[in-house]
Amino acid sequence: LLYQPGAAWSYGPQLGILGAVIENADPQGR
């Protein structure tokens, strides 16, 4: 981590990780 959670924000791999979770969990396969 670059910062303690909630202390600051920076773009990183989180959208890619969330995207992979959504794509695998979405029953429509979107």
mmCIF file of all heavy atoms, coordinates in Angstrom:
data_MODEL
# 
_entry.id   MODEL 
# 
loop_
_atom_site.group_PDB 
_atom_site.id 
_atom_site.type_symbol 
_atom_site.label_atom_id 
_atom_site.label_alt_id 
_atom_site.label_comp_id 
_atom_site.label_asym_id 
_atom_site.label_entity_id 
_atom_site.label_seq_id 
_atom_site.pdbx_PDB_ins_code 
_atom_site.Cartn_x 
_atom_site.Cartn_y 
_atom_site.Cartn_z 
_atom_site.occupancy 
_atom_site.B_iso_or_equiv 
_atom_site.pdbx_formal_charge 
_atom_site.auth_seq_id 
_atom_site.auth_comp_id 
_atom_site.auth_asym_id 
_atom_site.auth_atom_id 
_atom_site.pdbx_PDB_model_num 
ATOM 1   N N   . LEU A 1 1  ? 0.836   -1.195  0.000   1.00 0.00 ? 1  LEU A N   1 
ATOM 2   C CA  . LEU A 1 1  ? 0.000   0.000   0.000   1.00 0.00 ? 1  LEU A CA  1 
ATOM 3   C C   . LEU A 1 1  ? 0.872   1.246   0.000   1.00 0.00 ? 1  LEU A C   1 
ATOM 4   O O   . LEU A 1 1  ? 1.920   1.278   0.642   1.00 0.00 ? 1  LEU A O   1 
ATOM 5   C CB  . LEU A 1 1  ? -0.893  0.022   1.242   1.00 0.00 ? 1  LEU A CB  1 
ATOM 6   C CG  . LEU A 1 1  ? -1.921  -1.088  1.363   1.00 0.00 ? 1  LEU A CG  1 
ATOM 7   C CD1 . LEU A 1 1  ? -2.645  -0.981  2.700   1.00 0.00 ? 1  LEU A CD1 1 
ATOM 8   C CD2 . LEU A 1 1  ? -2.910  -1.042  0.218   1.00 0.00 ? 1  LEU A CD2 1 
ATOM 9   N N   . LEU A 1 2  ? 0.442   2.274   -0.722  1.00 0.00 ? 2  LEU A N   1 
ATOM 10  C CA  . LEU A 1 2  ? 1.138   3.560   -0.703  1.00 0.00 ? 2  LEU A CA  1 
ATOM 11  C C   . LEU A 1 2  ? 0.741   4.378   0.513   1.00 0.00 ? 2  LEU A C   1 
ATOM 12  O O   . LEU A 1 2  ? 1.501   5.214   0.985   1.00 0.00 ? 2  LEU A O   1 
ATOM 13  C CB  . LEU A 1 2  ? 0.828   4.350   -1.978  1.00 0.00 ? 2  LEU A CB  1 
ATOM 14  C CG  . LEU A 1 2  ? 1.326   3.745   -3.287  1.00 0.00 ? 2  LEU A CG  1 
ATOM 15  C CD1 . LEU A 1 2  ? 0.832   4.580   -4.474  1.00 0.00 ? 2  LEU A CD1 1 
ATOM 16  C CD2 . LEU A 1 2  ? 2.837   3.664   -3.292  1.00 0.00 ? 2  LEU A CD2 1 
ATOM 17  N N   . TYR A 1 3  ? -0.504  4.165   0.988   1.00 0.00 ? 3  TYR A N   1 
ATOM 18  C CA  . TYR A 1 3  ? -1.065  4.938   2.099   1.00 0.00 ? 3  TYR A CA  1 
ATOM 19  C C   . TYR A 1 3  ? -1.875  3.998   2.979   1.00 0.00 ? 3  TYR A C   1 
ATOM 20  O O   . TYR A 1 3  ? -2.290  2.937   2.538   1.00 0.00 ? 3  TYR A O   1 
ATOM 21  C CB  . TYR A 1 3  ? -2.025  6.037   1.603   1.00 0.00 ? 3  TYR A CB  1 
ATOM 22  C CG  . TYR A 1 3  ? -1.534  6.804   0.414   1.00 0.00 ? 3  TYR A CG  1 
ATOM 23  C CD1 . TYR A 1 3  ? -2.021  6.540   -0.862  1.00 0.00 ? 3  TYR A CD1 1 
ATOM 24  C CD2 . TYR A 1 3  ? -0.580  7.798   0.553   1.00 0.00 ? 3  TYR A CD2 1 
ATOM 25  C CE1 . TYR A 1 3  ? -1.576  7.254   -1.953  1.00 0.00 ? 3  TYR A CE1 1 
ATOM 26  C CE2 . TYR A 1 3  ? -0.129  8.517   -0.535  1.00 0.00 ? 3  TYR A CE2 1 
ATOM 27  C CZ  . TYR A 1 3  ? -0.631  8.237   -1.786  1.00 0.00 ? 3  TYR A CZ  1 
ATOM 28  O OH  . TYR A 1 3  ? -0.191  8.940   -2.870  1.00 0.00 ? 3  TYR A OH  1 
ATOM 29  N N   . GLN A 1 4  ? -2.158  4.424   4.185   1.00 0.00 ? 4  GLN A N   1 
ATOM 30  C CA  . GLN A 1 4  ? -3.109  3.698   5.020   1.00 0.00 ? 4  GLN A CA  1 
ATOM 31  C C   . GLN A 1 4  ? -4.494  3.866   4.391   1.00 0.00 ? 4  GLN A C   1 
ATOM 32  O O   . GLN A 1 4  ? -4.812  4.944   3.884   1.00 0.00 ? 4  GLN A O   1 
ATOM 33  C CB  . GLN A 1 4  ? -3.095  4.249   6.446   1.00 0.00 ? 4  GLN A CB  1 
ATOM 34  C CG  . GLN A 1 4  ? -1.843  3.896   7.216   1.00 0.00 ? 4  GLN A CG  1 
ATOM 35  C CD  . GLN A 1 4  ? -1.692  2.383   7.383   1.00 0.00 ? 4  GLN A CD  1 
ATOM 36  O OE1 . GLN A 1 4  ? -2.640  1.681   7.688   1.00 0.00 ? 4  GLN A OE1 1 
ATOM 37  N NE2 . GLN A 1 4  ? -0.488  1.891   7.141   1.00 0.00 ? 4  GLN A NE2 1 
ATOM 38  N N   . PRO A 1 5  ? -5.323  2.835   4.425   1.00 0.00 ? 5  PRO A N   1 
ATOM 39  C CA  . PRO A 1 5  ? -6.660  2.957   3.842   1.00 0.00 ? 5  PRO A CA  1 
ATOM 40  C C   . PRO A 1 5  ? -7.417  4.157   4.402   1.00 0.00 ? 5  PRO A C   1 
ATOM 41  O O   . PRO A 1 5  ? -7.419  4.403   5.603   1.00 0.00 ? 5  PRO A O   1 
ATOM 42  C CB  . PRO A 1 5  ? -7.331  1.639   4.253   1.00 0.00 ? 5  PRO A CB  1 
ATOM 43  C CG  . PRO A 1 5  ? -6.182  0.683   4.377   1.00 0.00 ? 5  PRO A CG  1 
ATOM 44  C CD  . PRO A 1 5  ? -5.051  1.504   4.943   1.00 0.00 ? 5  PRO A CD  1 
ATOM 45  N N   . GLY A 1 6  ? -7.995  4.950   3.494   1.00 0.00 ? 6  GLY A N   1 
ATOM 46  C CA  . GLY A 1 6  ? -8.756  6.125   3.867   1.00 0.00 ? 6  GLY A CA  1 
ATOM 47  C C   . GLY A 1 6  ? -7.929  7.384   4.040   1.00 0.00 ? 6  GLY A C   1 
ATOM 48  O O   . GLY A 1 6  ? -8.467  8.465   4.202   1.00 0.00 ? 6  GLY A O   1 
ATOM 49  N N   . ALA A 1 7  ? -6.600  7.269   3.995   1.00 0.00 ? 7  ALA A N   1 
ATOM 50  C CA  . ALA A 1 7  ? -5.741  8.438   4.218   1.00 0.00 ? 7  ALA A CA  1 
ATOM 51  C C   . ALA A 1 7  ? -5.485  9.230   2.941   1.00 0.00 ? 7  ALA A C   1 
ATOM 52  O O   . ALA A 1 7  ? -5.272  10.433  2.995   1.00 0.00 ? 7  ALA A O   1 
ATOM 53  C CB  . ALA A 1 7  ? -4.406  8.008   4.826   1.00 0.00 ? 7  ALA A CB  1 
ATOM 54  N N   . ALA A 1 8  ? -5.484  8.576   1.793   1.00 0.00 ? 8  ALA A N   1 
ATOM 55  C CA  . ALA A 1 8  ? -5.196  9.236   0.517   1.00 0.00 ? 8  ALA A CA  1 
ATOM 56  C C   . ALA A 1 8  ? -5.706  8.338   -0.596  1.00 0.00 ? 8  ALA A C   1 
ATOM 57  O O   . ALA A 1 8  ? -6.153  7.217   -0.360  1.00 0.00 ? 8  ALA A O   1 
ATOM 58  C CB  . ALA A 1 8  ? -3.703  9.506   0.373   1.00 0.00 ? 8  ALA A CB  1 
ATOM 59  N N   . TRP A 1 9  ? -5.616  8.849   -1.819  1.00 0.00 ? 9  TRP A N   1 
ATOM 60  C CA  . TRP A 1 9  ? -6.082  8.088   -2.984  1.00 0.00 ? 9  TRP A CA  1 
ATOM 61  C C   . TRP A 1 9  ? -5.064  8.197   -4.104  1.00 0.00 ? 9  TRP A C   1 
ATOM 62  O O   . TRP A 1 9  ? -4.495  9.265   -4.334  1.00 0.00 ? 9  TRP A O   1 
ATOM 63  C CB  . TRP A 1 9  ? -7.421  8.619   -3.475  1.00 0.00 ? 9  TRP A CB  1 
ATOM 64  C CG  . TRP A 1 9  ? -7.816  8.056   -4.810  1.00 0.00 ? 9  TRP A CG  1 
ATOM 65  C CD1 . TRP A 1 9  ? -7.683  8.655   -6.033  1.00 0.00 ? 9  TRP A CD1 1 
ATOM 66  C CD2 . TRP A 1 9  ? -8.372  6.774   -5.064  1.00 0.00 ? 9  TRP A CD2 1 
ATOM 67  N NE1 . TRP A 1 9  ? -8.123  7.836   -7.029  1.00 0.00 ? 9  TRP A NE1 1 
ATOM 68  C CE2 . TRP A 1 9  ? -8.552  6.651   -6.449  1.00 0.00 ? 9  TRP A CE2 1 
ATOM 69  C CE3 . TRP A 1 9  ? -8.724  5.700   -4.265  1.00 0.00 ? 9  TRP A CE3 1 
ATOM 70  C CZ2 . TRP A 1 9  ? -9.088  5.521   -7.046  1.00 0.00 ? 9  TRP A CZ2 1 
ATOM 71  C CZ3 . TRP A 1 9  ? -9.254  4.577   -4.877  1.00 0.00 ? 9  TRP A CZ3 1 
ATOM 72  C CH2 . TRP A 1 9  ? -9.436  4.503   -6.236  1.00 0.00 ? 9  TRP A CH2 1 
ATOM 73  N N   . SER A 1 10 ? -4.850  7.104   -4.788  1.00 0.00 ? 10 SER A N   1 
ATOM 74  C CA  . SER A 1 10 ? -4.078  7.118   -6.028  1.00 0.00 ? 10 SER A CA  1 
ATOM 75  C C   . SER A 1 10 ? -4.619  6.003   -6.908  1.00 0.00 ? 10 SER A C   1 
ATOM 76  O O   . SER A 1 10 ? -5.126  5.003   -6.403  1.00 0.00 ? 10 SER A O   1 
ATOM 77  C CB  . SER A 1 10 ? -2.582  6.930   -5.771  1.00 0.00 ? 10 SER A CB  1 
ATOM 78  O OG  . SER A 1 10 ? -2.331  5.658   -5.230  1.00 0.00 ? 10 SER A OG  1 
ATOM 79  N N   . TYR A 1 11 ? -4.537  6.207   -8.210  1.00 0.00 ? 11 TYR A N   1 
ATOM 80  C CA  . TYR A 1 11 ? -4.983  5.165   -9.122  1.00 0.00 ? 11 TYR A CA  1 
ATOM 81  C C   . TYR A 1 11 ? -4.023  4.005   -9.047  1.00 0.00 ? 11 TYR A C   1 
ATOM 82  O O   . TYR A 1 11 ? -2.826  4.180   -8.893  1.00 0.00 ? 11 TYR A O   1 
ATOM 83  C CB  . TYR A 1 11 ? -5.062  5.698   -10.555 1.00 0.00 ? 11 TYR A CB  1 
ATOM 84  C CG  . TYR A 1 11 ? -6.247  6.581   -10.775 1.00 0.00 ? 11 TYR A CG  1 
ATOM 85  C CD1 . TYR A 1 11 ? -6.131  7.963   -10.729 1.00 0.00 ? 11 TYR A CD1 1 
ATOM 86  C CD2 . TYR A 1 11 ? -7.506  6.030   -11.003 1.00 0.00 ? 11 TYR A CD2 1 
ATOM 87  C CE1 . TYR A 1 11 ? -7.230  8.778   -10.911 1.00 0.00 ? 11 TYR A CE1 1 
ATOM 88  C CE2 . TYR A 1 11 ? -8.610  6.839   -11.191 1.00 0.00 ? 11 TYR A CE2 1 
ATOM 89  C CZ  . TYR A 1 11 ? -8.464  8.203   -11.148 1.00 0.00 ? 11 TYR A CZ  1 
ATOM 90  O OH  . TYR A 1 11 ? -9.547  9.012   -11.321 1.00 0.00 ? 11 TYR A OH  1 
ATOM 91  N N   . GLY A 1 12 ? -4.545  2.819   -9.144  1.00 0.00 ? 12 GLY A N   1 
ATOM 92  C CA  . GLY A 1 12 ? -3.721  1.626   -9.078  1.00 0.00 ? 12 GLY A CA  1 
ATOM 93  C C   . GLY A 1 12 ? -4.474  0.443   -9.644  1.00 0.00 ? 12 GLY A C   1 
ATOM 94  O O   . GLY A 1 12 ? -5.416  0.604   -10.430 1.00 0.00 ? 12 GLY A O   1 
ATOM 95  N N   . PRO A 1 13 ? -4.113  -0.731  -9.243  1.00 0.00 ? 13 PRO A N   1 
ATOM 96  C CA  . PRO A 1 13 ? -4.701  -1.943  -9.823  1.00 0.00 ? 13 PRO A CA  1 
ATOM 97  C C   . PRO A 1 13 ? -6.109  -2.268  -9.338  1.00 0.00 ? 13 PRO A C   1 
ATOM 98  O O   . PRO A 1 13 ? -6.716  -3.206  -9.818  1.00 0.00 ? 13 PRO A O   1 
ATOM 99  C CB  . PRO A 1 13 ? -3.725  -3.041  -9.377  1.00 0.00 ? 13 PRO A CB  1 
ATOM 100 C CG  . PRO A 1 13 ? -3.177  -2.530  -8.086  1.00 0.00 ? 13 PRO A CG  1 
ATOM 101 C CD  . PRO A 1 13 ? -3.047  -1.035  -8.293  1.00 0.00 ? 13 PRO A CD  1 
ATOM 102 N N   . GLN A 1 14 ? -6.646  -1.467  -8.408  1.00 0.00 ? 14 GLN A N   1 
ATOM 103 C CA  . GLN A 1 14 ? -7.918  -1.826  -7.801  1.00 0.00 ? 14 GLN A CA  1 
ATOM 104 C C   . GLN A 1 14 ? -9.066  -1.955  -8.787  1.00 0.00 ? 14 GLN A C   1 
ATOM 105 O O   . GLN A 1 14 ? -9.915  -2.840  -8.637  1.00 0.00 ? 14 GLN A O   1 
ATOM 106 C CB  . GLN A 1 14 ? -8.281  -0.894  -6.643  1.00 0.00 ? 14 GLN A CB  1 
ATOM 107 C CG  . GLN A 1 14 ? -8.283  0.574   -6.949  1.00 0.00 ? 14 GLN A CG  1 
ATOM 108 C CD  . GLN A 1 14 ? -6.932  1.230   -6.751  1.00 0.00 ? 14 GLN A CD  1 
ATOM 109 O OE1 . GLN A 1 14 ? -5.900  0.674   -7.074  1.00 0.00 ? 14 GLN A OE1 1 
ATOM 110 N NE2 . GLN A 1 14 ? -6.938  2.438   -6.230  1.00 0.00 ? 14 GLN A NE2 1 
ATOM 111 N N   . LEU A 1 15 ? -9.148  -1.105  -9.808  1.00 0.00 ? 15 LEU A N   1 
ATOM 112 C CA  . LEU A 1 15 ? -10.240 -1.219  -10.770 1.00 0.00 ? 15 LEU A CA  1 
ATOM 113 C C   . LEU A 1 15 ? -10.097 -2.509  -11.573 1.00 0.00 ? 15 LEU A C   1 
ATOM 114 O O   . LEU A 1 15 ? -11.091 -3.164  -11.882 1.00 0.00 ? 15 LEU A O   1 
ATOM 115 C CB  . LEU A 1 15 ? -10.299 -0.010  -11.705 1.00 0.00 ? 15 LEU A CB  1 
ATOM 116 C CG  . LEU A 1 15 ? -11.490 0.019   -12.653 1.00 0.00 ? 15 LEU A CG  1 
ATOM 117 C CD1 . LEU A 1 15 ? -12.806 0.001   -11.881 1.00 0.00 ? 15 LEU A CD1 1 
ATOM 118 C CD2 . LEU A 1 15 ? -11.445 1.238   -13.550 1.00 0.00 ? 15 LEU A CD2 1 
ATOM 119 N N   . GLY A 1 16 ? -8.879  -2.889  -11.886 1.00 0.00 ? 16 GLY A N   1 
ATOM 120 C CA  . GLY A 1 16 ? -8.666  -4.151  -12.593 1.00 0.00 ? 16 GLY A CA  1 
ATOM 121 C C   . GLY A 1 16 ? -9.088  -5.347  -11.769 1.00 0.00 ? 16 GLY A C   1 
ATOM 122 O O   . GLY A 1 16 ? -9.694  -6.301  -12.271 1.00 0.00 ? 16 GLY A O   1 
ATOM 123 N N   . ILE A 1 17 ? -8.795  -5.307  -10.480 1.00 0.00 ? 17 ILE A N   1 
ATOM 124 C CA  . ILE A 1 17 ? -9.178  -6.402  -9.587  1.00 0.00 ? 17 ILE A CA  1 
ATOM 125 C C   . ILE A 1 17 ? -10.700 -6.444  -9.442  1.00 0.00 ? 17 ILE A C   1 
ATOM 126 O O   . ILE A 1 17 ? -11.321 -7.508  -9.569  1.00 0.00 ? 17 ILE A O   1 
ATOM 127 C CB  . ILE A 1 17 ? -8.490  -6.257  -8.221  1.00 0.00 ? 17 ILE A CB  1 
ATOM 128 C CG1 . ILE A 1 17 ? -6.972  -6.443  -8.381  1.00 0.00 ? 17 ILE A CG1 1 
ATOM 129 C CG2 . ILE A 1 17 ? -9.057  -7.252  -7.207  1.00 0.00 ? 17 ILE A CG2 1 
ATOM 130 C CD1 . ILE A 1 17 ? -6.160  -6.044  -7.178  1.00 0.00 ? 17 ILE A CD1 1 
ATOM 131 N N   . LEU A 1 18 ? -11.310 -5.295  -9.186  1.00 0.00 ? 18 LEU A N   1 
ATOM 132 C CA  . LEU A 1 18 ? -12.764 -5.236  -9.070  1.00 0.00 ? 18 LEU A CA  1 
ATOM 133 C C   . LEU A 1 18 ? -13.422 -5.679  -10.377 1.00 0.00 ? 18 LEU A C   1 
ATOM 134 O O   . LEU A 1 18 ? -14.409 -6.410  -10.364 1.00 0.00 ? 18 LEU A O   1 
ATOM 135 C CB  . LEU A 1 18 ? -13.214 -3.824  -8.712  1.00 0.00 ? 18 LEU A CB  1 
ATOM 136 C CG  . LEU A 1 18 ? -14.727 -3.615  -8.619  1.00 0.00 ? 18 LEU A CG  1 
ATOM 137 C CD1 . LEU A 1 18 ? -15.338 -4.496  -7.543  1.00 0.00 ? 18 LEU A CD1 1 
ATOM 138 C CD2 . LEU A 1 18 ? -15.023 -2.150  -8.362  1.00 0.00 ? 18 LEU A CD2 1 
ATOM 139 N N   . GLY A 1 19 ? -12.864 -5.247  -11.489 1.00 0.00 ? 19 GLY A N   1 
ATOM 140 C CA  . GLY A 1 19 ? -13.403 -5.644  -12.786 1.00 0.00 ? 19 GLY A CA  1 
ATOM 141 C C   . GLY A 1 19 ? -13.368 -7.142  -12.990 1.00 0.00 ? 19 GLY A C   1 
ATOM 142 O O   . GLY A 1 19 ? -14.326 -7.744  -13.486 1.00 0.00 ? 19 GLY A O   1 
ATOM 143 N N   . ALA A 1 20 ? -12.271 -7.782  -12.593 1.00 0.00 ? 20 ALA A N   1 
ATOM 144 C CA  . ALA A 1 20 ? -12.170 -9.236  -12.724 1.00 0.00 ? 20 ALA A CA  1 
ATOM 145 C C   . ALA A 1 20 ? -13.203 -9.938  -11.852 1.00 0.00 ? 20 ALA A C   1 
ATOM 146 O O   . ALA A 1 20 ? -13.823 -10.925 -12.276 1.00 0.00 ? 20 ALA A O   1 
ATOM 147 C CB  . ALA A 1 20 ? -10.760 -9.699  -12.351 1.00 0.00 ? 20 ALA A CB  1 
ATOM 148 N N   . VAL A 1 21 ? -13.425 -9.423  -10.638 1.00 0.00 ? 21 VAL A N   1 
ATOM 149 C CA  . VAL A 1 21 ? -14.438 -10.007 -9.751  1.00 0.00 ? 21 VAL A CA  1 
ATOM 150 C C   . VAL A 1 21 ? -15.822 -9.872  -10.381 1.00 0.00 ? 21 VAL A C   1 
ATOM 151 O O   . VAL A 1 21 ? -16.591 -10.838 -10.443 1.00 0.00 ? 21 VAL A O   1 
ATOM 152 C CB  . VAL A 1 21 ? -14.392 -9.338  -8.355  1.00 0.00 ? 21 VAL A CB  1 
ATOM 153 C CG1 . VAL A 1 21 ? -15.589 -9.754  -7.516  1.00 0.00 ? 21 VAL A CG1 1 
ATOM 154 C CG2 . VAL A 1 21 ? -13.093 -9.673  -7.646  1.00 0.00 ? 21 VAL A CG2 1 
ATOM 155 N N   . ILE A 1 22 ? -16.148 -8.678  -10.867 1.00 0.00 ? 22 ILE A N   1 
ATOM 156 C CA  . ILE A 1 22 ? -17.465 -8.443  -11.481 1.00 0.00 ? 22 ILE A CA  1 
ATOM 157 C C   . ILE A 1 22 ? -17.650 -9.321  -12.711 1.00 0.00 ? 22 ILE A C   1 
ATOM 158 O O   . ILE A 1 22 ? -18.690 -9.959  -12.882 1.00 0.00 ? 22 ILE A O   1 
ATOM 159 C CB  . ILE A 1 22 ? -17.639 -6.953  -11.837 1.00 0.00 ? 22 ILE A CB  1 
ATOM 160 C CG1 . ILE A 1 22 ? -17.803 -6.130  -10.555 1.00 0.00 ? 22 ILE A CG1 1 
ATOM 161 C CG2 . ILE A 1 22 ? -18.836 -6.738  -12.767 1.00 0.00 ? 22 ILE A CG2 1 
ATOM 162 C CD1 . ILE A 1 22 ? -17.771 -4.637  -10.762 1.00 0.00 ? 22 ILE A CD1 1 
ATOM 163 N N   . GLU A 1 23 ? -16.656 -9.374  -13.585 1.00 0.00 ? 23 GLU A N   1 
ATOM 164 C CA  . GLU A 1 23 ? -16.779 -10.145 -14.813 1.00 0.00 ? 23 GLU A CA  1 
ATOM 165 C C   . GLU A 1 23 ? -16.961 -11.635 -14.521 1.00 0.00 ? 23 GLU A C   1 
ATOM 166 O O   . GLU A 1 23 ? -17.688 -12.322 -15.231 1.00 0.00 ? 23 GLU A O   1 
ATOM 167 C CB  . GLU A 1 23 ? -15.565 -9.914  -15.707 1.00 0.00 ? 23 GLU A CB  1 
ATOM 168 C CG  . GLU A 1 23 ? -15.568 -8.523  -16.316 1.00 0.00 ? 23 GLU A CG  1 
ATOM 169 C CD  . GLU A 1 23 ? -14.306 -8.187  -17.087 1.00 0.00 ? 23 GLU A CD  1 
ATOM 170 O OE1 . GLU A 1 23 ? -13.340 -8.981  -17.073 1.00 0.00 ? 23 GLU A OE1 1 
ATOM 171 O OE2 . GLU A 1 23 ? -14.283 -7.105  -17.709 1.00 0.00 ? 23 GLU A OE2 1 
ATOM 172 N N   . ASN A 1 24 ? -16.332 -12.137 -13.471 1.00 0.00 ? 24 ASN A N   1 
ATOM 173 C CA  . ASN A 1 24 ? -16.471 -13.549 -13.121 1.00 0.00 ? 24 ASN A CA  1 
ATOM 174 C C   . ASN A 1 24 ? -17.781 -13.835 -12.395 1.00 0.00 ? 24 ASN A C   1 
ATOM 175 O O   . ASN A 1 24 ? -18.303 -14.940 -12.482 1.00 0.00 ? 24 ASN A O   1 
ATOM 176 C CB  . ASN A 1 24 ? -15.290 -14.017 -12.279 1.00 0.00 ? 24 ASN A CB  1 
ATOM 177 C CG  . ASN A 1 24 ? -14.064 -14.251 -13.129 1.00 0.00 ? 24 ASN A CG  1 
ATOM 178 O OD1 . ASN A 1 24 ? -14.048 -15.153 -13.945 1.00 0.00 ? 24 ASN A OD1 1 
ATOM 179 N ND2 . ASN A 1 24 ? -13.057 -13.423 -12.975 1.00 0.00 ? 24 ASN A ND2 1 
ATOM 180 N N   . ALA A 1 25 ? -18.307 -12.857 -11.672 1.00 0.00 ? 25 ALA A N   1 
ATOM 181 C CA  . ALA A 1 25 ? -19.530 -13.068 -10.893 1.00 0.00 ? 25 ALA A CA  1 
ATOM 182 C C   . ALA A 1 25 ? -20.801 -12.737 -11.675 1.00 0.00 ? 25 ALA A C   1 
ATOM 183 O O   . ALA A 1 25 ? -21.874 -13.238 -11.330 1.00 0.00 ? 25 ALA A O   1 
ATOM 184 C CB  . ALA A 1 25 ? -19.484 -12.213 -9.624  1.00 0.00 ? 25 ALA A CB  1 
ATOM 185 N N   . ASP A 1 26 ? -20.704 -11.921 -12.720 1.00 0.00 ? 26 ASP A N   1 
ATOM 186 C CA  . ASP A 1 26 ? -21.895 -11.482 -13.451 1.00 0.00 ? 26 ASP A CA  1 
ATOM 187 C C   . ASP A 1 26 ? -22.525 -12.664 -14.192 1.00 0.00 ? 26 ASP A C   1 
ATOM 188 O O   . ASP A 1 26 ? -21.895 -13.258 -15.067 1.00 0.00 ? 26 ASP A O   1 
ATOM 189 C CB  . ASP A 1 26 ? -21.523 -10.378 -14.453 1.00 0.00 ? 26 ASP A CB  1 
ATOM 190 C CG  . ASP A 1 26 ? -22.729 -9.860  -15.209 1.00 0.00 ? 26 ASP A CG  1 
ATOM 191 O OD1 . ASP A 1 26 ? -23.825 -9.776  -14.614 1.00 0.00 ? 26 ASP A OD1 1 
ATOM 192 O OD2 . ASP A 1 26 ? -22.591 -9.535  -16.406 1.00 0.00 ? 26 ASP A OD2 1 
ATOM 193 N N   . PRO A 1 27 ? -23.774 -13.002 -13.871 1.00 0.00 ? 27 PRO A N   1 
ATOM 194 C CA  . PRO A 1 27 ? -24.408 -14.143 -14.537 1.00 0.00 ? 27 PRO A CA  1 
ATOM 195 C C   . PRO A 1 27 ? -24.633 -13.923 -16.032 1.00 0.00 ? 27 PRO A C   1 
ATOM 196 O O   . PRO A 1 27 ? -24.805 -14.883 -16.777 1.00 0.00 ? 27 PRO A O   1 
ATOM 197 C CB  . PRO A 1 27 ? -25.740 -14.315 -13.795 1.00 0.00 ? 27 PRO A CB  1 
ATOM 198 C CG  . PRO A 1 27 ? -25.974 -13.044 -13.057 1.00 0.00 ? 27 PRO A CG  1 
ATOM 199 C CD  . PRO A 1 27 ? -24.635 -12.399 -12.862 1.00 0.00 ? 27 PRO A CD  1 
ATOM 200 N N   . GLN A 1 28 ? -24.631 -12.662 -16.474 1.00 0.00 ? 28 GLN A N   1 
ATOM 201 C CA  . GLN A 1 28 ? -24.817 -12.374 -17.899 1.00 0.00 ? 28 GLN A CA  1 
ATOM 202 C C   . GLN A 1 28 ? -23.505 -12.390 -18.668 1.00 0.00 ? 28 GLN A C   1 
ATOM 203 O O   . GLN A 1 28 ? -23.496 -12.241 -19.885 1.00 0.00 ? 28 GLN A O   1 
ATOM 204 C CB  . GLN A 1 28 ? -25.519 -11.035 -18.063 1.00 0.00 ? 28 GLN A CB  1 
ATOM 205 C CG  . GLN A 1 28 ? -26.924 -11.026 -17.484 1.00 0.00 ? 28 GLN A CG  1 
ATOM 206 C CD  . GLN A 1 28 ? -27.580 -9.676  -17.618 1.00 0.00 ? 28 GLN A CD  1 
ATOM 207 O OE1 . GLN A 1 28 ? -27.306 -8.927  -18.548 1.00 0.00 ? 28 GLN A OE1 1 
ATOM 208 N NE2 . GLN A 1 28 ? -28.452 -9.356  -16.680 1.00 0.00 ? 28 GLN A NE2 1 
ATOM 209 N N   . GLY A 1 29 ? -22.374 -12.501 -17.949 1.00 0.00 ? 29 GLY A N   1 
ATOM 210 C CA  . GLY A 1 29 ? -21.078 -12.587 -18.609 1.00 0.00 ? 29 GLY A CA  1 
ATOM 211 C C   . GLY A 1 29 ? -20.608 -11.290 -19.245 1.00 0.00 ? 29 GLY A C   1 
ATOM 212 O O   . GLY A 1 29 ? -19.796 -11.313 -20.173 1.00 0.00 ? 29 GLY A O   1 
ATOM 213 N N   . ARG A 1 30 ? -21.091 -10.148 -18.746 1.00 0.00 ? 30 ARG A N   1 
ATOM 214 C CA  . ARG A 1 30 ? -20.696 -8.862  -19.317 1.00 0.00 ? 30 ARG A CA  1 
ATOM 215 C C   . ARG A 1 30 ? -19.291 -8.481  -18.885 1.00 0.00 ? 30 ARG A C   1 
ATOM 216 O O   . ARG A 1 30 ? -18.837 -8.835  -17.805 1.00 0.00 ? 30 ARG A O   1 
ATOM 217 C CB  . ARG A 1 30 ? -21.667 -7.767  -18.875 1.00 0.00 ? 30 ARG A CB  1 
ATOM 218 C CG  . ARG A 1 30 ? -23.073 -7.958  -19.400 1.00 0.00 ? 30 ARG A CG  1 
ATOM 219 C CD  . ARG A 1 30 ? -24.039 -6.999  -18.781 1.00 0.00 ? 30 ARG A CD  1 
ATOM 220 N NE  . ARG A 1 30 ? -24.268 -7.390  -17.387 1.00 0.00 ? 30 ARG A NE  1 
ATOM 221 C CZ  . ARG A 1 30 ? -25.158 -6.832  -16.593 1.00 0.00 ? 30 ARG A CZ  1 
ATOM 222 N NH1 . ARG A 1 30 ? -25.907 -5.843  -17.027 1.00 0.00 ? 30 ARG A NH1 1 
ATOM 223 N NH2 . ARG A 1 30 ? -25.321 -7.239  -15.358 1.00 0.00 ? 30 ARG A NH2 1 
# 
